[in-house]
Amino acid sequence: MSTLPDPEEFMNYLEECGFNAIDAQMNEVVNLYSKSVTKAGELKKHARSVGFSYEAAEEIAMDFHNTMTKGAGK
């Protein structure tokens, strides 16, 4: 039966290989925010096209973005 490596040793191994876990995590967070902003913009545009007021469409988009990014980067 195989066991998982010690997390500290594994992190050291990855860093020695040139992999920076913190950079990778930050890249994931940036990608999540970028995709969320893009989708929120599309949602806002669609809400406006079906008759929602600018304020309501803005709130819908912000609620979507906040829900999608809640806890990102923690």
N, C-alpha and C. Protein backbone atom coordinates (compact mmCIF):
# COMPACT_ATOMS: atom_id res chain seq x y z
N MET A 1 0.85 -1.17 0.00
CA MET A 1 0.00 0.00 0.00
C MET A 1 0.90 1.24 0.00
N SER A 2 0.64 2.14 -0.92
CA SER A 2 1.45 3.35 -0.98
C SER A 2 0.89 4.41 -0.03
N THR A 3 1.75 5.26 0.44
CA THR A 3 1.33 6.34 1.33
C THR A 3 1.64 7.67 0.66
N LEU A 4 0.94 8.66 1.08
CA LEU A 4 1.19 10.00 0.55
C LEU A 4 2.51 10.52 1.11
N PRO A 5 3.23 11.30 0.33
CA PRO A 5 4.50 11.85 0.83
C PRO A 5 4.24 12.91 1.90
N ASP A 6 5.23 13.15 2.69
CA ASP A 6 5.16 14.23 3.67
C ASP A 6 4.93 15.54 2.92
N PRO A 7 3.93 16.33 3.30
CA PRO A 7 3.63 17.56 2.56
C PRO A 7 4.82 18.51 2.46
N GLU A 8 5.57 18.65 3.53
CA GLU A 8 6.73 19.55 3.52
C GLU A 8 7.80 19.06 2.54
N GLU A 9 8.08 17.75 2.58
CA GLU A 9 9.06 17.18 1.67
C GLU A 9 8.60 17.31 0.22
N PHE A 10 7.32 17.07 0.00
CA PHE A 10 6.79 17.17 -1.36
C PHE A 10 6.87 18.59 -1.87
N MET A 11 6.56 19.57 -1.02
CA MET A 11 6.65 20.98 -1.41
C MET A 11 8.10 21.33 -1.76
N ASN A 12 9.04 20.86 -0.96
CA ASN A 12 10.46 21.09 -1.25
C ASN A 12 10.85 20.47 -2.57
N TYR A 13 10.37 19.26 -2.83
CA TYR A 13 10.67 18.58 -4.10
C TYR A 13 10.13 19.40 -5.27
N LEU A 14 8.88 19.86 -5.16
CA LEU A 14 8.29 20.65 -6.25
C LEU A 14 9.06 21.93 -6.49
N GLU A 15 9.47 22.61 -5.41
CA GLU A 15 10.23 23.85 -5.56
C GLU A 15 11.58 23.58 -6.21
N GLU A 16 12.22 22.46 -5.85
CA GLU A 16 13.49 22.10 -6.48
C GLU A 16 13.33 21.85 -7.98
N CYS A 17 12.16 21.38 -8.35
CA CYS A 17 11.87 21.13 -9.78
C CYS A 17 11.43 22.40 -10.50
N GLY A 18 11.33 23.50 -9.78
CA GLY A 18 10.94 24.76 -10.41
C GLY A 18 9.47 25.09 -10.32
N PHE A 19 8.71 24.29 -9.60
CA PHE A 19 7.28 24.54 -9.46
C PHE A 19 7.04 25.35 -8.21
N ASN A 20 6.38 26.48 -8.35
CA ASN A 20 6.08 27.34 -7.21
C ASN A 20 4.58 27.24 -6.93
N ALA A 21 4.23 26.57 -5.84
CA ALA A 21 2.82 26.33 -5.52
C ALA A 21 2.06 27.63 -5.27
N ILE A 22 2.71 28.60 -4.67
CA ILE A 22 2.03 29.87 -4.40
C ILE A 22 1.70 30.58 -5.71
N ASP A 23 2.65 30.59 -6.65
CA ASP A 23 2.37 31.19 -7.96
C ASP A 23 1.24 30.46 -8.66
N ALA A 24 1.27 29.13 -8.58
CA ALA A 24 0.22 28.34 -9.22
C ALA A 24 -1.14 28.64 -8.61
N GLN A 25 -1.20 28.77 -7.29
CA GLN A 25 -2.46 29.09 -6.63
C GLN A 25 -2.93 30.49 -7.03
N MET A 26 -2.03 31.44 -7.07
CA MET A 26 -2.41 32.80 -7.47
C MET A 26 -2.89 32.82 -8.92
N ASN A 27 -2.26 32.04 -9.79
CA ASN A 27 -2.72 31.96 -11.18
C ASN A 27 -4.15 31.43 -11.25
N GLU A 28 -4.44 30.44 -10.42
CA GLU A 28 -5.80 29.90 -10.38
C GLU A 28 -6.80 30.95 -9.92
N VAL A 29 -6.43 31.72 -8.92
CA VAL A 29 -7.32 32.76 -8.41
C VAL A 29 -7.54 33.83 -9.48
N VAL A 30 -6.48 34.25 -10.14
CA VAL A 30 -6.60 35.25 -11.21
C VAL A 30 -7.48 34.72 -12.33
N ASN A 31 -7.30 33.46 -12.70
CA ASN A 31 -8.14 32.88 -13.76
C ASN A 31 -9.60 32.82 -13.34
N LEU A 32 -9.85 32.46 -12.08
CA LEU A 32 -11.22 32.41 -11.58
C LEU A 32 -11.86 33.79 -11.64
N TYR A 33 -11.15 34.80 -11.15
CA TYR A 33 -11.69 36.17 -11.17
C TYR A 33 -11.94 36.64 -12.60
N SER A 34 -11.01 36.36 -13.49
CA SER A 34 -11.14 36.78 -14.87
C SER A 34 -12.37 36.15 -15.52
N LYS A 35 -12.53 34.86 -15.34
CA LYS A 35 -13.69 34.17 -15.92
C LYS A 35 -14.98 34.67 -15.30
N SER A 36 -14.96 34.92 -13.99
CA SER A 36 -16.16 35.39 -13.31
C SER A 36 -16.57 36.77 -13.80
N VAL A 37 -15.60 37.66 -13.98
CA VAL A 37 -15.90 39.01 -14.47
C VAL A 37 -16.47 38.94 -15.89
N THR A 38 -15.88 38.10 -16.72
CA THR A 38 -16.36 37.93 -18.09
C THR A 38 -17.80 37.43 -18.11
N LYS A 39 -18.07 36.39 -17.32
CA LYS A 39 -19.42 35.82 -17.28
C LYS A 39 -20.41 36.80 -16.65
N ALA A 40 -19.98 37.55 -15.64
CA ALA A 40 -20.87 38.54 -15.04
C ALA A 40 -21.23 39.62 -16.05
N GLY A 41 -20.27 40.02 -16.87
CA GLY A 41 -20.55 41.00 -17.92
C GLY A 41 -21.55 40.48 -18.93
N GLU A 42 -21.39 39.22 -19.30
CA GLU A 42 -22.34 38.60 -20.24
C GLU A 42 -23.74 38.52 -19.61
N LEU A 43 -23.78 38.17 -18.34
CA LEU A 43 -25.05 38.07 -17.63
C LEU A 43 -25.73 39.44 -17.54
N LYS A 44 -24.95 40.47 -17.26
CA LYS A 44 -25.48 41.83 -17.18
C LYS A 44 -26.04 42.26 -18.54
N LYS A 45 -25.29 41.98 -19.60
CA LYS A 45 -25.73 42.34 -20.95
C LYS A 45 -27.04 41.62 -21.29
N HIS A 46 -27.12 40.34 -20.95
CA HIS A 46 -28.33 39.57 -21.22
C HIS A 46 -29.50 40.11 -20.40
N ALA A 47 -29.26 40.42 -19.12
CA ALA A 47 -30.33 40.95 -18.27
C ALA A 47 -30.88 42.25 -18.85
N ARG A 48 -29.99 43.11 -19.34
CA ARG A 48 -30.43 44.37 -19.96
C ARG A 48 -31.25 44.09 -21.21
N SER A 49 -30.81 43.08 -21.99
CA SER A 49 -31.50 42.80 -23.27
C SER A 49 -32.91 42.24 -23.07
N VAL A 50 -33.18 41.66 -21.91
CA VAL A 50 -34.52 41.13 -21.66
C VAL A 50 -35.37 42.07 -20.80
N GLY A 51 -34.87 43.29 -20.58
CA GLY A 51 -35.70 44.31 -19.96
C GLY A 51 -35.39 44.71 -18.54
N PHE A 52 -34.37 44.13 -17.93
CA PHE A 52 -34.02 44.57 -16.57
C PHE A 52 -33.41 45.96 -16.64
N SER A 53 -33.64 46.74 -15.59
CA SER A 53 -33.03 48.07 -15.53
C SER A 53 -31.52 47.92 -15.39
N TYR A 54 -30.82 49.02 -15.67
CA TYR A 54 -29.36 49.00 -15.54
C TYR A 54 -28.97 48.61 -14.12
N GLU A 55 -29.63 49.19 -13.13
CA GLU A 55 -29.30 48.93 -11.73
C GLU A 55 -29.54 47.46 -11.36
N ALA A 56 -30.68 46.92 -11.82
CA ALA A 56 -30.99 45.51 -11.52
C ALA A 56 -29.99 44.58 -12.21
N ALA A 57 -29.65 44.88 -13.46
CA ALA A 57 -28.69 44.05 -14.19
C ALA A 57 -27.32 44.10 -13.53
N GLU A 58 -26.94 45.30 -13.06
CA GLU A 58 -25.67 45.45 -12.35
C GLU A 58 -25.66 44.62 -11.07
N GLU A 59 -26.76 44.65 -10.34
CA GLU A 59 -26.85 43.89 -9.09
C GLU A 59 -26.81 42.38 -9.37
N ILE A 60 -27.50 41.94 -10.41
CA ILE A 60 -27.47 40.52 -10.79
C ILE A 60 -26.04 40.10 -11.10
N ALA A 61 -25.35 40.91 -11.88
CA ALA A 61 -23.98 40.59 -12.27
C ALA A 61 -23.05 40.55 -11.05
N MET A 62 -23.19 41.53 -10.16
CA MET A 62 -22.34 41.56 -8.97
C MET A 62 -22.65 40.41 -8.03
N ASP A 63 -23.91 40.05 -7.88
CA ASP A 63 -24.27 38.91 -7.05
C ASP A 63 -23.65 37.63 -7.61
N PHE A 64 -23.71 37.48 -8.93
CA PHE A 64 -23.11 36.32 -9.58
C PHE A 64 -21.60 36.28 -9.31
N HIS A 65 -20.93 37.40 -9.55
CA HIS A 65 -19.48 37.46 -9.36
C HIS A 65 -19.11 37.17 -7.90
N ASN A 66 -19.81 37.79 -6.97
CA ASN A 66 -19.51 37.57 -5.55
C ASN A 66 -19.72 36.12 -5.14
N THR A 67 -20.77 35.50 -5.67
CA THR A 67 -21.03 34.10 -5.36
C THR A 67 -19.95 33.19 -5.94
N MET A 68 -19.55 33.48 -7.17
CA MET A 68 -18.54 32.63 -7.83
C MET A 68 -17.16 32.77 -7.20
N THR A 69 -16.85 33.92 -6.64
CA THR A 69 -15.49 34.14 -6.12
C THR A 69 -15.44 34.09 -4.60
N LYS A 70 -16.53 33.75 -3.96
CA LYS A 70 -16.54 33.70 -2.48
C LYS A 70 -15.49 32.70 -2.01
N GLY A 71 -14.57 33.17 -1.20
CA GLY A 71 -13.54 32.31 -0.64
C GLY A 71 -12.37 32.04 -1.55
N ALA A 72 -12.34 32.64 -2.73
CA ALA A 72 -11.23 32.41 -3.67
C ALA A 72 -9.93 32.94 -3.06
N GLY A 73 -8.91 32.17 -3.17
CA GLY A 73 -7.60 32.58 -2.70
C GLY A 73 -7.34 32.32 -1.23
N LYS A 74 -8.29 31.70 -0.57
CA LYS A 74 -8.08 31.41 0.86
C LYS A 74 -7.45 30.06 1.03
